[in-house]
Amino acid sequence: MLENSFVMVAIIIIINIVYVSFFTIRMILTLKGQRYLAAGISMVEVVIYVVGLGLVLDNLNEIQNLAAYALGYGIGVIVGMKIEEKLALGYTTVNVITKEYDKDLPKLLREKGYGVTNWQANGLEGDRMAMQILTPRKYEVSLYHAIKEHDPKAFIIAYEPKTIHGGFWVKAVKERKIKEWVRRRENENSK
């Protein structure tokens, strides 16, 4: 009897981790406009949800099943977020303000494959350079490293654009360039 309750608890936890992970990914795909993929995932998600909830409701008199459901839900949120971080779907727009007006940084970032628009700005303490940089999300951290290597005190704000239209930035060519730069940087850091 005790062994069966441990198995039931483990099954409920696993089902909820999988369910909530699917839920998180579906929500992100929905927000990114991937409606057909989101719909496909939601069909699997609802089956997992009904099975997990059914197990708990059929055995509602056993408090450990309810606790397992809650624990699995919490862990599922974390797992779903980790999966989303690894997928890193979409693009990020990064606004950067550097203390010095230095034309080398935009050029350096463009050579690495990032789309950069820069202009002169004025801050409390004088002239600054402002930049707006478009990058695939999976290269966002590498972009931060490149900026901080050049200006450790740069002011950086990032957000995800809802719509991208126009411009010269060609995804396939630029992404390949960024990928090569990231690979070289990782090789240098591993030595």
C-alpha atoms as a PDB file:
ATOM      1  CA  MET A   1       0.000   0.000   0.000  1.00  0.00           C
ATOM      2  CA  LEU A   2       2.765   2.448   0.984  1.00  0.00           C
ATOM      3  CA  GLU A   3       4.713   1.650  -2.178  1.00  0.00           C
ATOM      4  CA  ASN A   4       1.662   2.445  -4.319  1.00  0.00           C
ATOM      5  CA  SER A   5       1.249   5.849  -2.661  1.00  0.00           C
ATOM      6  CA  PHE A   6       4.902   6.721  -3.397  1.00  0.00           C
ATOM      7  CA  VAL A   7       4.429   5.667  -7.018  1.00  0.00           C
ATOM      8  CA  MET A   8       1.234   7.752  -7.237  1.00  0.00           C
ATOM      9  CA  VAL A   9       3.001  10.806  -5.780  1.00  0.00           C
ATOM     10  CA  ALA A  10       5.904  10.404  -8.237  1.00  0.00           C
ATOM     11  CA  ILE A  11       3.512  10.038 -11.192  1.00  0.00           C
ATOM     12  CA  ILE A  12       1.546  13.141 -10.179  1.00  0.00           C
ATOM     13  CA  ILE A  13       4.722  15.205  -9.768  1.00  0.00           C
ATOM     14  CA  ILE A  14       6.093  14.120 -13.153  1.00  0.00           C
ATOM     15  CA  ILE A  15       2.766  14.688 -14.929  1.00  0.00           C
ATOM     16  CA  ASN A  16       2.517  18.205 -13.509  1.00  0.00           C
ATOM     17  CA  ILE A  17       6.103  19.076 -14.375  1.00  0.00           C
ATOM     18  CA  VAL A  18       5.457  18.031 -17.971  1.00  0.00           C
ATOM     19  CA  TYR A  19       2.052  19.759 -18.087  1.00  0.00           C
ATOM     20  CA  VAL A  20       3.266  23.102 -16.743  1.00  0.00           C
ATOM     21  CA  SER A  21       6.359  23.004 -18.971  1.00  0.00           C
ATOM     22  CA  PHE A  22       4.106  22.527 -22.001  1.00  0.00           C
ATOM     23  CA  PHE A  23       1.837  25.301 -20.710  1.00  0.00           C
ATOM     24  CA  THR A  24       4.773  27.718 -20.400  1.00  0.00           C
ATOM     25  CA  ILE A  25       6.095  26.925 -23.865  1.00  0.00           C
ATOM     26  CA  ARG A  26       2.605  27.230 -25.378  1.00  0.00           C
ATOM     27  CA  MET A  27       2.108  30.651 -23.803  1.00  0.00           C
ATOM     28  CA  ILE A  28       5.437  31.877 -25.151  1.00  0.00           C
ATOM     29  CA  LEU A  29       4.697  30.538 -28.625  1.00  0.00           C
ATOM     30  CA  THR A  30       1.293  32.235 -28.484  1.00  0.00           C
ATOM     31  CA  LEU A  31       2.885  35.556 -27.552  1.00  0.00           C
ATOM     32  CA  LYS A  32       5.396  35.147 -30.406  1.00  0.00           C
ATOM     33  CA  GLY A  33       2.594  34.572 -32.934  1.00  0.00           C
ATOM     34  CA  GLN A  34       3.312  30.862 -33.511  1.00  0.00           C
ATOM     35  CA  ARG A  35      -0.407  29.989 -33.408  1.00  0.00           C
ATOM     36  CA  TYR A  36      -0.343  26.581 -35.123  1.00  0.00           C
ATOM     37  CA  LEU A  37       2.554  25.243 -33.092  1.00  0.00           C
ATOM     38  CA  ALA A  38       0.932  26.618 -29.920  1.00  0.00           C
ATOM     39  CA  ALA A  39      -2.353  24.913 -30.841  1.00  0.00           C
ATOM     40  CA  GLY A  40      -0.584  21.574 -31.392  1.00  0.00           C
ATOM     41  CA  ILE A  41       1.200  21.810 -28.060  1.00  0.00           C
ATOM     42  CA  SER A  42      -2.053  22.774 -26.308  1.00  0.00           C
ATOM     43  CA  MET A  43      -3.697  19.526 -27.461  1.00  0.00           C
ATOM     44  CA  VAL A  44      -0.959  17.489 -25.780  1.00  0.00           C
ATOM     45  CA  GLU A  45      -0.992  19.824 -22.778  1.00  0.00           C
ATOM     46  CA  VAL A  46      -4.725  19.381 -22.098  1.00  0.00           C
ATOM     47  CA  VAL A  47      -4.492  15.578 -22.217  1.00  0.00           C
ATOM     48  CA  ILE A  48      -1.652  15.634 -19.682  1.00  0.00           C
ATOM     49  CA  TYR A  49      -3.616  18.098 -17.525  1.00  0.00           C
ATOM     50  CA  VAL A  50      -6.791  15.970 -17.483  1.00  0.00           C
ATOM     51  CA  VAL A  51      -4.856  12.796 -16.605  1.00  0.00           C
ATOM     52  CA  GLY A  52      -2.946  14.504 -13.766  1.00  0.00           C
ATOM     53  CA  LEU A  53      -5.987  16.257 -12.347  1.00  0.00           C
ATOM     54  CA  GLY A  54      -8.001  13.037 -12.624  1.00  0.00           C
ATOM     55  CA  LEU A  55      -5.424  11.164 -10.557  1.00  0.00           C
ATOM     56  CA  VAL A  56      -5.603  13.798  -7.832  1.00  0.00           C
ATOM     57  CA  LEU A  57      -9.396  14.083  -7.826  1.00  0.00           C
ATOM     58  CA  ASP A  58      -9.844  10.294  -7.754  1.00  0.00           C
ATOM     59  CA  ASN A  59      -7.648  10.170  -4.649  1.00  0.00           C
ATOM     60  CA  LEU A  60      -8.571  13.458  -3.017  1.00  0.00           C
ATOM     61  CA  ASN A  61      -8.695  11.848   0.407  1.00  0.00           C
ATOM     62  CA  GLU A  62      -4.894  11.428   0.328  1.00  0.00           C
ATOM     63  CA  ILE A  63      -3.254  14.771   1.097  1.00  0.00           C
ATOM     64  CA  GLN A  64       0.130  13.714  -0.325  1.00  0.00           C
ATOM     65  CA  ASN A  65      -1.427  13.612  -3.824  1.00  0.00           C
ATOM     66  CA  LEU A  66      -2.558  17.214  -3.518  1.00  0.00           C
ATOM     67  CA  ALA A  67       0.885  18.200  -2.200  1.00  0.00           C
ATOM     68  CA  ALA A  68       2.512  16.327  -5.097  1.00  0.00           C
ATOM     69  CA  TYR A  69       0.283  18.200  -7.550  1.00  0.00           C
ATOM     70  CA  ALA A  70       1.326  21.552  -6.087  1.00  0.00           C
ATOM     71  CA  LEU A  71       5.014  20.576  -5.952  1.00  0.00           C
ATOM     72  CA  GLY A  72       4.948  19.347  -9.554  1.00  0.00           C
ATOM     73  CA  TYR A  73       3.285  22.589 -10.635  1.00  0.00           C
ATOM     74  CA  GLY A  74       5.980  24.706  -8.984  1.00  0.00           C
ATOM     75  CA  ILE A  75       8.812  22.636 -10.433  1.00  0.00           C
ATOM     76  CA  GLY A  76       7.076  22.724 -13.826  1.00  0.00           C
ATOM     77  CA  VAL A  77       7.162  26.528 -13.837  1.00  0.00           C
ATOM     78  CA  ILE A  78      10.930  26.472 -13.283  1.00  0.00           C
ATOM     79  CA  VAL A  79      11.499  23.735 -15.890  1.00  0.00           C
ATOM     80  CA  GLY A  80       9.312  25.569 -18.423  1.00  0.00           C
ATOM     81  CA  MET A  81      11.277  28.779 -17.897  1.00  0.00           C
ATOM     82  CA  LYS A  82      14.592  26.937 -18.328  1.00  0.00           C
ATOM     83  CA  ILE A  83      13.353  25.353 -21.560  1.00  0.00           C
ATOM     84  CA  GLU A  84      12.240  28.763 -22.824  1.00  0.00           C
ATOM     85  CA  GLU A  85      15.658  30.243 -21.990  1.00  0.00           C
ATOM     86  CA  LYS A  86      17.344  27.480 -23.990  1.00  0.00           C
ATOM     87  CA  LEU A  87      14.999  27.943 -26.953  1.00  0.00           C
ATOM     88  CA  ALA A  88      15.529  31.744 -26.843  1.00  0.00           C
ATOM     89  CA  LEU A  89      12.963  32.388 -29.540  1.00  0.00           C
ATOM     90  CA  GLY A  90      12.728  35.730 -31.269  1.00  0.00           C
ATOM     91  CA  TYR A  91      14.774  38.900 -31.116  1.00  0.00           C
ATOM     92  CA  THR A  92      15.806  41.428 -28.518  1.00  0.00           C
ATOM     93  CA  THR A  93      16.306  45.135 -28.973  1.00  0.00           C
ATOM     94  CA  VAL A  94      19.067  46.481 -26.750  1.00  0.00           C
ATOM     95  CA  ASN A  95      19.433  50.180 -26.051  1.00  0.00           C
ATOM     96  CA  VAL A  96      22.913  51.189 -24.928  1.00  0.00           C
ATOM     97  CA  ILE A  97      24.253  54.508 -23.712  1.00  0.00           C
ATOM     98  CA  THR A  98      28.014  54.796 -23.388  1.00  0.00           C
ATOM     99  CA  LYS A  99      29.873  57.483 -21.507  1.00  0.00           C
ATOM    100  CA  GLU A 100      32.235  58.279 -24.353  1.00  0.00           C
ATOM    101  CA  TYR A 101      31.163  59.124 -27.874  1.00  0.00           C
ATOM    102  CA  ASP A 102      33.247  56.407 -29.494  1.00  0.00           C
ATOM    103  CA  LYS A 103      32.508  55.388 -33.073  1.00  0.00           C
ATOM    104  CA  ASP A 104      34.589  52.206 -32.703  1.00  0.00           C
ATOM    105  CA  LEU A 105      31.971  50.330 -30.651  1.00  0.00           C
ATOM    106  CA  PRO A 106      29.149  50.438 -33.254  1.00  0.00           C
ATOM    107  CA  LYS A 107      31.631  49.425 -35.955  1.00  0.00           C
ATOM    108  CA  LEU A 108      32.957  46.574 -33.796  1.00  0.00           C
ATOM    109  CA  LEU A 109      29.419  45.320 -33.106  1.00  0.00           C
ATOM    110  CA  ARG A 110      28.448  45.529 -36.791  1.00  0.00           C
ATOM    111  CA  GLU A 111      31.535  43.501 -37.711  1.00  0.00           C
ATOM    112  CA  LYS A 112      30.346  40.839 -35.266  1.00  0.00           C
ATOM    113  CA  GLY A 113      26.990  40.731 -37.094  1.00  0.00           C
ATOM    114  CA  TYR A 114      24.719  42.840 -34.898  1.00  0.00           C
ATOM    115  CA  GLY A 115      22.338  45.403 -36.378  1.00  0.00           C
ATOM    116  CA  VAL A 116      23.359  48.743 -34.813  1.00  0.00           C
ATOM    117  CA  THR A 117      21.905  52.227 -35.145  1.00  0.00           C
ATOM    118  CA  ASN A 118      23.826  54.872 -33.222  1.00  0.00           C
ATOM    119  CA  TRP A 119      23.509  58.602 -32.583  1.00  0.00           C
ATOM    120  CA  GLN A 120      24.928  61.322 -30.387  1.00  0.00           C
ATOM    121  CA  ALA A 121      23.001  61.921 -27.175  1.00  0.00           C
ATOM    122  CA  ASN A 122      23.306  64.350 -24.297  1.00  0.00           C
ATOM    123  CA  GLY A 123      23.302  63.243 -20.668  1.00  0.00           C
ATOM    124  CA  LEU A 124      23.601  64.980 -17.330  1.00  0.00           C
ATOM    125  CA  GLU A 125      27.403  64.909 -17.558  1.00  0.00           C
ATOM    126  CA  GLY A 126      27.811  65.706 -21.261  1.00  0.00           C
ATOM    127  CA  ASP A 127      27.890  63.994 -24.641  1.00  0.00           C
ATOM    128  CA  ARG A 128      27.073  60.326 -24.862  1.00  0.00           C
ATOM    129  CA  MET A 129      26.593  57.790 -27.602  1.00  0.00           C
ATOM    130  CA  ALA A 130      23.259  56.006 -27.799  1.00  0.00           C
ATOM    131  CA  MET A 131      22.818  52.793 -29.749  1.00  0.00           C
ATOM    132  CA  GLN A 132      19.899  50.595 -30.609  1.00  0.00           C
ATOM    133  CA  ILE A 133      20.958  47.027 -31.388  1.00  0.00           C
ATOM    134  CA  LEU A 134      18.865  44.175 -32.761  1.00  0.00           C
ATOM    135  CA  THR A 135      19.979  40.630 -31.930  1.00  0.00           C
ATOM    136  CA  PRO A 136      18.539  37.125 -31.886  1.00  0.00           C
ATOM    137  CA  ARG A 137      17.746  36.323 -28.227  1.00  0.00           C
ATOM    138  CA  LYS A 138      20.166  33.402 -28.166  1.00  0.00           C
ATOM    139  CA  TYR A 139      23.055  35.874 -28.709  1.00  0.00           C
ATOM    140  CA  GLU A 140      21.861  38.499 -26.237  1.00  0.00           C
ATOM    141  CA  VAL A 141      24.339  37.559 -23.494  1.00  0.00           C
ATOM    142  CA  SER A 142      27.223  37.553 -25.981  1.00  0.00           C
ATOM    143  CA  LEU A 143      26.211  41.063 -27.023  1.00  0.00           C
ATOM    144  CA  TYR A 144      26.327  42.217 -23.385  1.00  0.00           C
ATOM    145  CA  HIS A 145      29.828  40.769 -23.032  1.00  0.00           C
ATOM    146  CA  ALA A 146      31.003  42.572 -26.182  1.00  0.00           C
ATOM    147  CA  ILE A 147      29.597  45.889 -24.944  1.00  0.00           C
ATOM    148  CA  LYS A 148      31.025  45.496 -21.436  1.00  0.00           C
ATOM    149  CA  GLU A 149      34.483  44.574 -22.782  1.00  0.00           C
ATOM    150  CA  HIS A 150      34.515  47.936 -24.551  1.00  0.00           C
ATOM    151  CA  ASP A 151      32.687  49.986 -21.902  1.00  0.00           C
ATOM    152  CA  PRO A 152      32.144  48.255 -18.530  1.00  0.00           C
ATOM    153  CA  LYS A 153      29.972  51.146 -17.306  1.00  0.00           C
ATOM    154  CA  ALA A 154      27.631  51.225 -20.313  1.00  0.00           C
ATOM    155  CA  PHE A 155      23.960  51.716 -19.493  1.00  0.00           C
ATOM    156  CA  ILE A 156      22.005  48.838 -21.084  1.00  0.00           C
ATOM    157  CA  ILE A 157      18.248  48.299 -21.411  1.00  0.00           C
ATOM    158  CA  ALA A 158      16.772  45.368 -23.339  1.00  0.00           C
ATOM    159  CA  TYR A 159      13.261  44.564 -24.501  1.00  0.00           C
ATOM    160  CA  GLU A 160      11.571  42.253 -26.968  1.00  0.00           C
ATOM    161  CA  PRO A 161      10.088  43.946 -30.013  1.00  0.00           C
ATOM    162  CA  LYS A 162       6.581  42.796 -30.937  1.00  0.00           C
ATOM    163  CA  THR A 163       6.947  43.579 -34.644  1.00  0.00           C
ATOM    164  CA  ILE A 164       9.982  44.031 -36.879  1.00  0.00           C
ATOM    165  CA  HIS A 165       9.513  45.521 -40.316  1.00  0.00           C
ATOM    166  CA  GLY A 166      11.955  47.005 -42.796  1.00  0.00           C
ATOM    167  CA  GLY A 167      15.622  47.738 -42.351  1.00  0.00           C
ATOM    168  CA  PHE A 168      18.607  46.151 -44.031  1.00  0.00           C
ATOM    169  CA  TRP A 169      19.398  43.465 -41.477  1.00  0.00           C
ATOM    170  CA  VAL A 170      19.359  40.077 -43.208  1.00  0.00           C
ATOM    171  CA  LYS A 171      18.762  37.362 -40.614  1.00  0.00           C
ATOM    172  CA  ALA A 172      20.651  34.457 -42.190  1.00  0.00           C
ATOM    173  CA  VAL A 173      23.820  36.381 -43.028  1.00  0.00           C
ATOM    174  CA  LYS A 174      24.055  38.297 -39.754  1.00  0.00           C
ATOM    175  CA  GLU A 175      23.181  35.345 -37.529  1.00  0.00           C
ATOM    176  CA  ARG A 176      25.931  33.275 -39.128  1.00  0.00           C
ATOM    177  CA  LYS A 177      28.407  36.090 -38.448  1.00  0.00           C
ATOM    178  CA  ILE A 178      27.339  36.362 -34.791  1.00  0.00           C
ATOM    179  CA  LYS A 179      27.520  32.581 -34.394  1.00  0.00           C
ATOM    180  CA  GLU A 180      31.117  32.560 -35.689  1.00  0.00           C
ATOM    181  CA  TRP A 181      32.111  35.370 -33.304  1.00  0.00           C
ATOM    182  CA  VAL A 182      30.479  33.624 -30.301  1.00  0.00           C
ATOM    183  CA  ARG A 183      32.236  30.344 -31.169  1.00  0.00           C
ATOM    184  CA  ARG A 184      35.655  32.098 -31.409  1.00  0.00           C
ATOM    185  CA  ARG A 185      35.034  33.878 -28.097  1.00  0.00           C
ATOM    186  CA  GLU A 186      34.087  30.606 -26.344  1.00  0.00           C
ATOM    187  CA  ASN A 187      37.206  28.898 -27.732  1.00  0.00           C
ATOM    188  CA  GLU A 188      39.396  31.734 -26.438  1.00  0.00           C
ATOM    189  CA  ASN A 189      37.762  31.585 -23.000  1.00  0.00           C
ATOM    190  CA  SER A 190      38.207  27.816 -22.738  1.00  0.00           C
ATOM    191  CA  LYS A 191      41.991  28.059 -23.230  1.00  0.00           C
END
